[in-house]
Amino acid sequence: MAPYRAARRLLTPALALGLLAAGAASAATLPKPESLPDWVGTWQNQGGPENNDVFDGSTSEPRGCTATRPPCREHPPYNKVWEAKYETNLKRALAGTMPDPLTKCYPRQTPGNMRTPETIEWVVRPEMTVIFVEDGSHVRRIFTDGRKHRTGKGGFLSFSGDSIGHWEGDTLVVETMNVLGEQMLDRSGAVVSSKAVFTERMRRLSPVQMEDIITVTDPVSLTKPWVVRRLYKKVNGDVYDYACSENNRAKVDAEGTTHLLKTDGQILK
């Protein structure tokens, strides 16, 4: 009990008032629930030439191609070194040896998870917005409670990164950093470094359409900001559980390629 009594002695009236004021100030920064937009529902990438499984469909070549069926590439504003990295990955994709993160049961990193072909759900609250991504059962947490980005030992790298947001009217403005570098944005092999910062502007365009404008800034890999627009349509149904695992019928070889096996052990073509 001694430490507790000591702590009570340290909590002077002035300090207590300061803590109450800090809490009130923090609460005051939160948006009112009634001011938040209605994003309820299940959403899915709109499809079409610019919104398929290529992260930046607006620069895809050939137009409307899909990264699951190479050759298919996009044109990020890479510098020479990172353009060479991308060309190497394109060759791996063409040879069928470019592993998607899900091949090894890793989550797709931010913002590659926003181009998922599966469903997405936004849950909007005053202190945070949570995005549930069906593909890989991935979850993004965007804090809108006034906190700052993690720094020092807390600023470690992760798949989701560290997302801080604020509201500008009905638009959620998000800045994400501390994301693991060289994680594939799509199966063509587009990557950026761990120094990349991703700024998103999310809003509901109509009752049946959402928009996410993603600006990628990376002093290591890019010569200028890379701006990507993703669109989502409202669909019927729910976001379901999705699990990835290596098993006796889905073997991953040394190159990272997943092979589905028939009952006789032969690879399913």
C-alpha atoms as a PDB file:
ATOM      1  CA  MET A   1       0.000   0.000   0.000  1.00  0.00           C
ATOM      2  CA  ALA A   2       2.968   2.327   0.514  1.00  0.00           C
ATOM      3  CA  PRO A   3       3.524   3.038  -3.215  1.00  0.00           C
ATOM      4  CA  TYR A   4      -0.189   3.810  -3.572  1.00  0.00           C
ATOM      5  CA  ARG A   5      -0.139   6.284  -0.661  1.00  0.00           C
ATOM      6  CA  ALA A   6       2.993   7.883  -2.114  1.00  0.00           C
ATOM      7  CA  ALA A   7       1.311   8.278  -5.465  1.00  0.00           C
ATOM      8  CA  ARG A   8      -1.681   9.926  -3.783  1.00  0.00           C
ATOM      9  CA  ARG A   9       0.611  12.415  -2.006  1.00  0.00           C
ATOM     10  CA  LEU A  10       2.210  13.315  -5.354  1.00  0.00           C
ATOM     11  CA  LEU A  11      -1.203  14.029  -6.915  1.00  0.00           C
ATOM     12  CA  THR A  12      -1.550  17.600  -5.708  1.00  0.00           C
ATOM     13  CA  PRO A  13      -4.688  19.650  -6.400  1.00  0.00           C
ATOM     14  CA  ALA A  14      -2.831  21.656  -9.027  1.00  0.00           C
ATOM     15  CA  LEU A  15      -1.651  18.492 -10.768  1.00  0.00           C
ATOM     16  CA  ALA A  16      -5.115  16.974 -10.602  1.00  0.00           C
ATOM     17  CA  LEU A  17      -6.599  20.082 -12.204  1.00  0.00           C
ATOM     18  CA  GLY A  18      -3.918  19.922 -14.887  1.00  0.00           C
ATOM     19  CA  LEU A  19      -4.761  16.316 -15.698  1.00  0.00           C
ATOM     20  CA  LEU A  20      -8.464  17.124 -15.865  1.00  0.00           C
ATOM     21  CA  ALA A  21      -7.775  20.049 -18.178  1.00  0.00           C
ATOM     22  CA  ALA A  22      -5.601  17.859 -20.416  1.00  0.00           C
ATOM     23  CA  GLY A  23      -8.354  15.257 -20.603  1.00  0.00           C
ATOM     24  CA  ALA A  24     -10.951  17.901 -21.416  1.00  0.00           C
ATOM     25  CA  ALA A  25      -8.707  19.365 -24.115  1.00  0.00           C
ATOM     26  CA  SER A  26      -8.201  15.914 -25.620  1.00  0.00           C
ATOM     27  CA  ALA A  27     -11.940  15.262 -25.621  1.00  0.00           C
ATOM     28  CA  ALA A  28     -12.542  18.656 -27.204  1.00  0.00           C
ATOM     29  CA  THR A  29     -10.404  17.700 -30.192  1.00  0.00           C
ATOM     30  CA  LEU A  30     -12.615  14.717 -31.039  1.00  0.00           C
ATOM     31  CA  PRO A  31     -15.241  15.248 -33.726  1.00  0.00           C
ATOM     32  CA  LYS A  32     -18.850  15.005 -32.606  1.00  0.00           C
ATOM     33  CA  PRO A  33     -20.447  11.654 -33.546  1.00  0.00           C
ATOM     34  CA  GLU A  34     -23.301  13.416 -35.321  1.00  0.00           C
ATOM     35  CA  SER A  35     -20.800  15.282 -37.533  1.00  0.00           C
ATOM     36  CA  LEU A  36     -19.207  12.110 -38.890  1.00  0.00           C
ATOM     37  CA  PRO A  37     -20.135  10.854 -42.381  1.00  0.00           C
ATOM     38  CA  ASP A  38     -22.135   7.678 -42.962  1.00  0.00           C
ATOM     39  CA  TRP A  39     -19.831   5.081 -44.525  1.00  0.00           C
ATOM     40  CA  VAL A  40     -21.825   2.082 -43.339  1.00  0.00           C
ATOM     41  CA  GLY A  41     -21.917  -0.859 -45.692  1.00  0.00           C
ATOM     42  CA  THR A  42     -19.732  -3.293 -47.587  1.00  0.00           C
ATOM     43  CA  TRP A  43     -17.491  -1.918 -50.308  1.00  0.00           C
ATOM     44  CA  GLN A  44     -15.405  -3.428 -53.087  1.00  0.00           C
ATOM     45  CA  ASN A  45     -12.912  -2.096 -55.612  1.00  0.00           C
ATOM     46  CA  GLN A  46     -14.918  -0.729 -58.496  1.00  0.00           C
ATOM     47  CA  GLY A  47     -13.114  -2.702 -61.183  1.00  0.00           C
ATOM     48  CA  GLY A  48     -12.460  -1.554 -64.712  1.00  0.00           C
ATOM     49  CA  PRO A  49      -9.216  -0.281 -66.228  1.00  0.00           C
ATOM     50  CA  GLU A  50      -8.167   1.886 -63.263  1.00  0.00           C
ATOM     51  CA  ASN A  51      -9.410  -0.126 -60.295  1.00  0.00           C
ATOM     52  CA  ASN A  52      -8.341  -3.719 -60.784  1.00  0.00           C
ATOM     53  CA  ASP A  53      -5.596  -5.520 -58.861  1.00  0.00           C
ATOM     54  CA  VAL A  54      -2.862  -3.188 -60.196  1.00  0.00           C
ATOM     55  CA  PHE A  55      -2.167  -0.550 -57.542  1.00  0.00           C
ATOM     56  CA  ASP A  56      -2.079   2.300 -60.085  1.00  0.00           C
ATOM     57  CA  GLY A  57      -4.376   1.260 -62.901  1.00  0.00           C
ATOM     58  CA  SER A  58      -4.230   4.737 -64.462  1.00  0.00           C
ATOM     59  CA  THR A  59      -0.657   4.027 -65.622  1.00  0.00           C
ATOM     60  CA  SER A  60      -1.067   0.310 -66.304  1.00  0.00           C
ATOM     61  CA  GLU A  61       0.404  -1.104 -69.496  1.00  0.00           C
ATOM     62  CA  PRO A  62      -1.372  -2.552 -71.379  1.00  0.00           C
ATOM     63  CA  ARG A  63      -4.434  -0.561 -70.434  1.00  0.00           C
ATOM     64  CA  GLY A  64      -6.713  -2.468 -68.086  1.00  0.00           C
ATOM     65  CA  CYS A  65      -4.256  -5.338 -67.559  1.00  0.00           C
ATOM     66  CA  THR A  66      -4.285  -7.413 -64.402  1.00  0.00           C
ATOM     67  CA  ALA A  67      -1.174  -8.129 -62.350  1.00  0.00           C
ATOM     68  CA  THR A  68      -2.259 -11.734 -61.848  1.00  0.00           C
ATOM     69  CA  ARG A  69      -1.828 -12.302 -65.591  1.00  0.00           C
ATOM     70  CA  PRO A  70       1.511 -10.771 -66.652  1.00  0.00           C
ATOM     71  CA  PRO A  71       2.888  -9.034 -68.581  1.00  0.00           C
ATOM     72  CA  CYS A  72       1.382  -6.077 -66.761  1.00  0.00           C
ATOM     73  CA  ARG A  73       3.193  -3.052 -65.392  1.00  0.00           C
ATOM     74  CA  GLU A  74       2.528   0.438 -64.132  1.00  0.00           C
ATOM     75  CA  HIS A  75       4.700   3.532 -64.303  1.00  0.00           C
ATOM     76  CA  PRO A  76       5.593   4.919 -60.868  1.00  0.00           C
ATOM     77  CA  PRO A  77       7.895   7.984 -60.929  1.00  0.00           C
ATOM     78  CA  TYR A  78      10.884   5.881 -59.877  1.00  0.00           C
ATOM     79  CA  ASN A  79      14.498   7.024 -59.938  1.00  0.00           C
ATOM     80  CA  LYS A  80      16.905   4.891 -61.980  1.00  0.00           C
ATOM     81  CA  VAL A  81      17.873   2.588 -59.125  1.00  0.00           C
ATOM     82  CA  TRP A  82      14.295   1.731 -58.158  1.00  0.00           C
ATOM     83  CA  GLU A  83      13.129   1.480 -61.757  1.00  0.00           C
ATOM     84  CA  ALA A  84      15.776  -1.245 -62.132  1.00  0.00           C
ATOM     85  CA  LYS A  85      14.389  -2.988 -59.027  1.00  0.00           C
ATOM     86  CA  TYR A  86      10.915  -2.857 -60.514  1.00  0.00           C
ATOM     87  CA  GLU A  87      12.066  -4.242 -63.859  1.00  0.00           C
ATOM     88  CA  THR A  88      13.672  -7.171 -62.027  1.00  0.00           C
ATOM     89  CA  ASN A  89      10.392  -7.825 -60.221  1.00  0.00           C
ATOM     90  CA  LEU A  90       8.473  -7.606 -63.509  1.00  0.00           C
ATOM     91  CA  LYS A  91      10.662 -10.376 -64.910  1.00  0.00           C
ATOM     92  CA  ARG A  92       9.984 -12.486 -61.829  1.00  0.00           C
ATOM     93  CA  ALA A  93       6.240 -11.894 -62.242  1.00  0.00           C
ATOM     94  CA  LEU A  94       6.435 -12.948 -65.899  1.00  0.00           C
ATOM     95  CA  ALA A  95       8.310 -16.111 -64.886  1.00  0.00           C
ATOM     96  CA  GLY A  96       5.697 -16.883 -62.223  1.00  0.00           C
ATOM     97  CA  THR A  97       8.134 -16.503 -59.320  1.00  0.00           C
ATOM     98  CA  MET A  98       6.905 -13.200 -57.864  1.00  0.00           C
ATOM     99  CA  PRO A  99       5.295 -14.100 -54.510  1.00  0.00           C
ATOM    100  CA  ASP A 100       2.381 -12.099 -53.242  1.00  0.00           C
ATOM    101  CA  PRO A 101       2.692 -11.422 -49.472  1.00  0.00           C
ATOM    102  CA  LEU A 102      -0.367 -13.615 -48.950  1.00  0.00           C
ATOM    103  CA  THR A 103       1.578 -16.519 -50.474  1.00  0.00           C
ATOM    104  CA  LYS A 104       3.559 -16.641 -47.230  1.00  0.00           C
ATOM    105  CA  CYS A 105       0.539 -15.664 -45.148  1.00  0.00           C
ATOM    106  CA  TYR A 106       1.812 -12.141 -44.533  1.00  0.00           C
ATOM    107  CA  PRO A 107      -0.687  -9.271 -44.549  1.00  0.00           C
ATOM    108  CA  ARG A 108      -0.527  -6.840 -47.428  1.00  0.00           C
ATOM    109  CA  GLN A 109       0.997  -3.600 -46.234  1.00  0.00           C
ATOM    110  CA  THR A 110      -0.566  -0.151 -46.337  1.00  0.00           C
ATOM    111  CA  PRO A 111      -1.597   1.088 -48.892  1.00  0.00           C
ATOM    112  CA  GLY A 112      -1.342  -2.083 -50.998  1.00  0.00           C
ATOM    113  CA  ASN A 113      -4.187  -3.480 -48.904  1.00  0.00           C
ATOM    114  CA  MET A 114      -6.500  -0.797 -50.326  1.00  0.00           C
ATOM    115  CA  ARG A 115      -6.382  -2.351 -53.810  1.00  0.00           C
ATOM    116  CA  THR A 116      -7.699  -5.710 -52.587  1.00  0.00           C
ATOM    117  CA  PRO A 117     -10.188  -7.366 -54.957  1.00  0.00           C
ATOM    118  CA  GLU A 118     -12.168  -8.540 -51.935  1.00  0.00           C
ATOM    119  CA  THR A 119     -14.495  -6.509 -49.723  1.00  0.00           C
ATOM    120  CA  ILE A 120     -13.718  -3.610 -47.377  1.00  0.00           C
ATOM    121  CA  GLU A 121     -15.649  -2.162 -44.453  1.00  0.00           C
ATOM    122  CA  TRP A 122     -15.168   1.266 -42.837  1.00  0.00           C
ATOM    123  CA  VAL A 123     -16.193   1.751 -39.194  1.00  0.00           C
ATOM    124  CA  VAL A 124     -16.141   5.447 -38.312  1.00  0.00           C
ATOM    125  CA  ARG A 125     -15.849   6.576 -34.684  1.00  0.00           C
ATOM    126  CA  PRO A 126     -14.783   9.911 -33.171  1.00  0.00           C
ATOM    127  CA  GLU A 127     -11.458   8.593 -31.845  1.00  0.00           C
ATOM    128  CA  MET A 128     -10.561   6.387 -34.811  1.00  0.00           C
ATOM    129  CA  THR A 129     -11.671   4.937 -38.116  1.00  0.00           C
ATOM    130  CA  VAL A 130     -11.151   1.204 -38.528  1.00  0.00           C
ATOM    131  CA  ILE A 131     -10.886  -0.414 -41.969  1.00  0.00           C
ATOM    132  CA  PHE A 132     -11.541  -4.144 -42.202  1.00  0.00           C
ATOM    133  CA  VAL A 133     -10.013  -5.747 -45.310  1.00  0.00           C
ATOM    134  CA  GLU A 134     -11.398  -9.202 -46.094  1.00  0.00           C
ATOM    135  CA  ASP A 135      -8.363 -10.348 -48.092  1.00  0.00           C
ATOM    136  CA  GLY A 136      -6.039 -11.688 -45.410  1.00  0.00           C
ATOM    137  CA  SER A 137      -8.399 -10.464 -42.680  1.00  0.00           C
ATOM    138  CA  HIS A 138      -6.313  -7.318 -42.353  1.00  0.00           C
ATOM    139  CA  VAL A 139      -7.270  -4.387 -40.094  1.00  0.00           C
ATOM    140  CA  ARG A 140      -6.181  -0.757 -40.356  1.00  0.00           C
ATOM    141  CA  ARG A 141      -6.616   1.665 -37.419  1.00  0.00           C
ATOM    142  CA  ILE A 142      -6.580   5.378 -38.246  1.00  0.00           C
ATOM    143  CA  PHE A 143      -6.446   7.457 -35.060  1.00  0.00           C
ATOM    144  CA  THR A 144      -8.302  10.774 -35.001  1.00  0.00           C
ATOM    145  CA  ASP A 145      -7.954  11.473 -31.284  1.00  0.00           C
ATOM    146  CA  GLY A 146      -5.208  14.085 -31.617  1.00  0.00           C
ATOM    147  CA  ARG A 147      -2.239  11.808 -30.983  1.00  0.00           C
ATOM    148  CA  LYS A 148       1.042  12.188 -32.883  1.00  0.00           C
ATOM    149  CA  HIS A 149       2.994   9.655 -34.922  1.00  0.00           C
ATOM    150  CA  ARG A 150       5.088   7.159 -32.996  1.00  0.00           C
ATOM    151  CA  THR A 151       8.750   8.067 -32.678  1.00  0.00           C
ATOM    152  CA  GLY A 152      11.894   6.643 -31.082  1.00  0.00           C
ATOM    153  CA  LYS A 153      11.558   3.040 -29.957  1.00  0.00           C
ATOM    154  CA  GLY A 154       7.835   3.248 -30.586  1.00  0.00           C
ATOM    155  CA  GLY A 155       8.367   4.189 -34.227  1.00  0.00           C
ATOM    156  CA  PHE A 156       9.015   0.632 -35.363  1.00  0.00           C
ATOM    157  CA  LEU A 157       8.139  -0.582 -38.858  1.00  0.00           C
ATOM    158  CA  SER A 158       5.078  -2.761 -39.462  1.00  0.00           C
ATOM    159  CA  PHE A 159       2.813  -3.917 -42.282  1.00  0.00           C
ATOM    160  CA  SER A 160       0.046  -1.454 -41.411  1.00  0.00           C
ATOM    161  CA  GLY A 161       2.348   1.356 -40.365  1.00  0.00           C
ATOM    162  CA  ASP A 162       1.273   4.219 -38.134  1.00  0.00           C
ATOM    163  CA  SER A 163      -1.839   6.050 -39.397  1.00  0.00           C
ATOM    164  CA  ILE A 164      -2.924   9.427 -37.993  1.00  0.00           C
ATOM    165  CA  GLY A 165      -5.977  11.184 -39.419  1.00  0.00           C
ATOM    166  CA  HIS A 166      -8.150  14.258 -39.166  1.00  0.00           C
ATOM    167  CA  TRP A 167     -11.420  15.363 -40.698  1.00  0.00           C
ATOM    168  CA  GLU A 168     -11.785  18.106 -43.286  1.00  0.00           C
ATOM    169  CA  GLY A 169     -15.546  18.267 -43.630  1.00  0.00           C
ATOM    170  CA  ASP A 170     -16.657  14.845 -44.892  1.00  0.00           C
ATOM    171  CA  THR A 171     -13.139  13.879 -46.011  1.00  0.00           C
ATOM    172  CA  LEU A 172     -10.840  11.787 -43.814  1.00  0.00           C
ATOM    173  CA  VAL A 173      -7.240  12.890 -44.356  1.00  0.00           C
ATOM    174  CA  VAL A 174      -4.766  10.206 -43.302  1.00  0.00           C
ATOM    175  CA  GLU A 175      -0.974  10.218 -43.051  1.00  0.00           C
ATOM    176  CA  THR A 176       0.716   6.816 -42.716  1.00  0.00           C
ATOM    177  CA  MET A 177       4.393   6.210 -42.022  1.00  0.00           C
ATOM    178  CA  ASN A 178       6.604   3.547 -40.410  1.00  0.00           C
ATOM    179  CA  VAL A 179       5.571   0.995 -43.053  1.00  0.00           C
ATOM    180  CA  LEU A 180       7.898  -1.898 -43.894  1.00  0.00           C
ATOM    181  CA  GLY A 181       9.803  -1.099 -47.074  1.00  0.00           C
ATOM    182  CA  GLU A 182       9.990  -3.148 -50.283  1.00  0.00           C
ATOM    183  CA  GLN A 183       6.684  -4.898 -49.581  1.00  0.00           C
ATOM    184  CA  MET A 184       4.779  -5.409 -52.828  1.00  0.00           C
ATOM    185  CA  LEU A 185       2.023  -2.929 -53.573  1.00  0.00           C
ATOM    186  CA  ASP A 186       0.690  -5.380 -56.146  1.00  0.00           C
ATOM    187  CA  ARG A 187       1.698  -8.578 -57.940  1.00  0.00           C
ATOM    188  CA  SER A 188       3.554  -6.721 -60.668  1.00  0.00           C
ATOM    189  CA  GLY A 189       6.218  -6.102 -58.015  1.00  0.00           C
ATOM    190  CA  ALA A 190       5.889  -2.342 -57.432  1.00  0.00           C
ATOM    191  CA  VAL A 191       7.625  -1.399 -54.170  1.00  0.00           C
ATOM    192  CA  VAL A 192       8.786   1.686 -52.260  1.00  0.00           C
ATOM    193  CA  SER A 193      11.174   2.163 -49.342  1.00  0.00           C
ATOM    194  CA  SER A 194      10.515   2.282 -45.599  1.00  0.00           C
ATOM    195  CA  LYS A 195      10.950   6.083 -45.771  1.00  0.00           C
ATOM    196  CA  ALA A 196       7.749   6.416 -47.795  1.00  0.00           C
ATOM    197  CA  VAL A 197       4.879   8.484 -46.403  1.00  0.00           C
ATOM    198  CA  PHE A 198       1.350   7.783 -47.649  1.00  0.00           C
ATOM    199  CA  THR A 199      -1.257  10.549 -47.532  1.00  0.00           C
ATOM    200  CA  GLU A 200      -4.840   9.527 -48.238  1.00  0.00           C
ATOM    201  CA  ARG A 201      -8.029  11.519 -48.741  1.00  0.00           C
ATOM    202  CA  MET A 202     -11.035   9.253 -48.212  1.00  0.00           C
ATOM    203  CA  ARG A 203     -14.596  10.364 -48.863  1.00  0.00           C
ATOM    204  CA  ARG A 204     -17.977   9.109 -49.982  1.00  0.00           C
ATOM    205  CA  LEU A 205     -18.796  10.442 -53.441  1.00  0.00           C
ATOM    206  CA  SER A 206     -22.360   9.116 -53.567  1.00  0.00           C
ATOM    207  CA  PRO A 207     -24.569   6.560 -51.795  1.00  0.00           C
ATOM    208  CA  VAL A 208     -22.886   3.824 -53.864  1.00  0.00           C
ATOM    209  CA  GLN A 209     -19.310   5.059 -54.375  1.00  0.00           C
ATOM    210  CA  MET A 210     -16.265   5.735 -52.160  1.00  0.00           C
ATOM    211  CA  GLU A 211     -12.967   7.352 -53.167  1.00  0.00           C
ATOM    212  CA  ASP A 212      -9.432   7.094 -51.776  1.00  0.00           C
ATOM    213  CA  ILE A 213      -6.798   9.396 -53.298  1.00  0.00           C
ATOM    214  CA  ILE A 214      -3.365   8.125 -52.224  1.00  0.00           C
ATOM    215  CA  THR A 215      -0.241  10.278 -52.531  1.00  0.00           C
ATOM    216  CA  VAL A 216       3.033   8.400 -52.058  1.00  0.00           C
ATOM    217  CA  THR A 217       6.069  10.503 -51.137  1.00  0.00           C
ATOM    218  CA  ASP A 218       9.407   8.702 -50.894  1.00  0.00           C
ATOM    219  CA  PRO A 219      12.790  10.474 -51.035  1.00  0.00           C
ATOM    220  CA  VAL A 220      14.527   7.131 -51.558  1.00  0.00           C
ATOM    221  CA  SER A 221      12.643   5.602 -54.499  1.00  0.00           C
ATOM    222  CA  LEU A 222      10.606   8.341 -56.197  1.00  0.00           C
ATOM    223  CA  THR A 223      11.538  11.488 -58.127  1.00  0.00           C
ATOM    224  CA  LYS A 224       8.179  13.144 -57.326  1.00  0.00           C
ATOM    225  CA  PRO A 225       4.950  12.296 -55.457  1.00  0.00           C
ATOM    226  CA  TRP A 226       3.041   9.351 -56.885  1.00  0.00           C
ATOM    227  CA  VAL A 227      -0.714  10.018 -56.882  1.00  0.00           C
ATOM    228  CA  VAL A 228      -3.127   7.068 -57.175  1.00  0.00           C
ATOM    229  CA  ARG A 229      -6.938   7.205 -57.178  1.00  0.00           C
ATOM    230  CA  ARG A 230      -8.913   4.199 -55.989  1.00  0.00           C
ATOM    231  CA  LEU A 231     -12.703   3.882 -56.296  1.00  0.00           C
ATOM    232  CA  TYR A 232     -15.025   1.507 -54.449  1.00  0.00           C
ATOM    233  CA  LYS A 233     -18.621   0.491 -55.126  1.00  0.00           C
ATOM    234  CA  LYS A 234     -21.186  -0.505 -52.544  1.00  0.00           C
ATOM    235  CA  VAL A 235     -22.109  -4.186 -52.696  1.00  0.00           C
ATOM    236  CA  ASN A 236     -24.585  -6.495 -50.986  1.00  0.00           C
ATOM    237  CA  GLY A 237     -23.231  -8.907 -48.402  1.00  0.00           C
ATOM    238  CA  ASP A 238     -20.796  -8.933 -45.531  1.00  0.00           C
ATOM    239  CA  VAL A 239     -17.043  -8.970 -44.947  1.00  0.00           C
ATOM    240  CA  TYR A 240     -16.109 -12.606 -44.268  1.00  0.00           C
ATOM    241  CA  ASP A 241     -13.168 -14.267 -42.553  1.00  0.00           C
ATOM    242  CA  TYR A 242     -10.268 -15.086 -44.837  1.00  0.00           C
ATOM    243  CA  ALA A 243      -7.353 -17.294 -43.844  1.00  0.00           C
ATOM    244  CA  CYS A 244      -4.111 -18.168 -45.614  1.00  0.00           C
ATOM    245  CA  SER A 245      -1.970 -21.163 -44.754  1.00  0.00           C
ATOM    246  CA  GLU A 246       0.492 -23.510 -46.368  1.00  0.00           C
ATOM    247  CA  ASN A 247      -0.860 -27.049 -46.302  1.00  0.00           C
ATOM    248  CA  ASN A 248      -0.509 -30.385 -48.071  1.00  0.00           C
ATOM    249  CA  ARG A 249      -2.625 -29.167 -51.018  1.00  0.00           C
ATOM    250  CA  ALA A 250      -1.015 -25.721 -51.374  1.00  0.00           C
ATOM    251  CA  LYS A 251       2.761 -25.990 -51.360  1.00  0.00           C
ATOM    252  CA  VAL A 252       5.115 -22.994 -51.529  1.00  0.00           C
ATOM    253  CA  ASP A 253       8.380 -23.715 -53.339  1.00  0.00           C
ATOM    254  CA  ALA A 254      11.823 -22.192 -52.723  1.00  0.00           C
ATOM    255  CA  GLU A 255      11.070 -19.349 -55.151  1.00  0.00           C
ATOM    256  CA  GLY A 256       7.956 -18.362 -53.226  1.00  0.00           C
ATOM    257  CA  THR A 257       5.453 -19.677 -55.777  1.00  0.00           C
ATOM    258  CA  THR A 258       2.328 -21.419 -54.494  1.00  0.00           C
ATOM    259  CA  HIS A 259       1.403 -24.678 -56.290  1.00  0.00           C
ATOM    260  CA  LEU A 260      -2.019 -26.275 -55.852  1.00  0.00           C
ATOM    261  CA  LEU A 261      -1.723 -30.071 -55.880  1.00  0.00           C
ATOM    262  CA  LYS A 262      -4.210 -32.633 -57.113  1.00  0.00           C
ATOM    263  CA  THR A 263      -4.999 -35.719 -55.027  1.00  0.00           C
ATOM    264  CA  ASP A 264      -2.250 -37.662 -56.812  1.00  0.00           C
ATOM    265  CA  GLY A 265       0.336 -35.030 -55.792  1.00  0.00           C
ATOM    266  CA  GLN A 266       0.691 -33.545 -59.278  1.00  0.00           C
ATOM    267  CA  ILE A 267       0.612 -29.786 -59.728  1.00  0.00           C
ATOM    268  CA  LEU A 268      -2.770 -28.451 -60.800  1.00  0.00           C
ATOM    269  CA  LYS A 269      -2.207 -26.457 -63.988  1.00  0.00           C
END
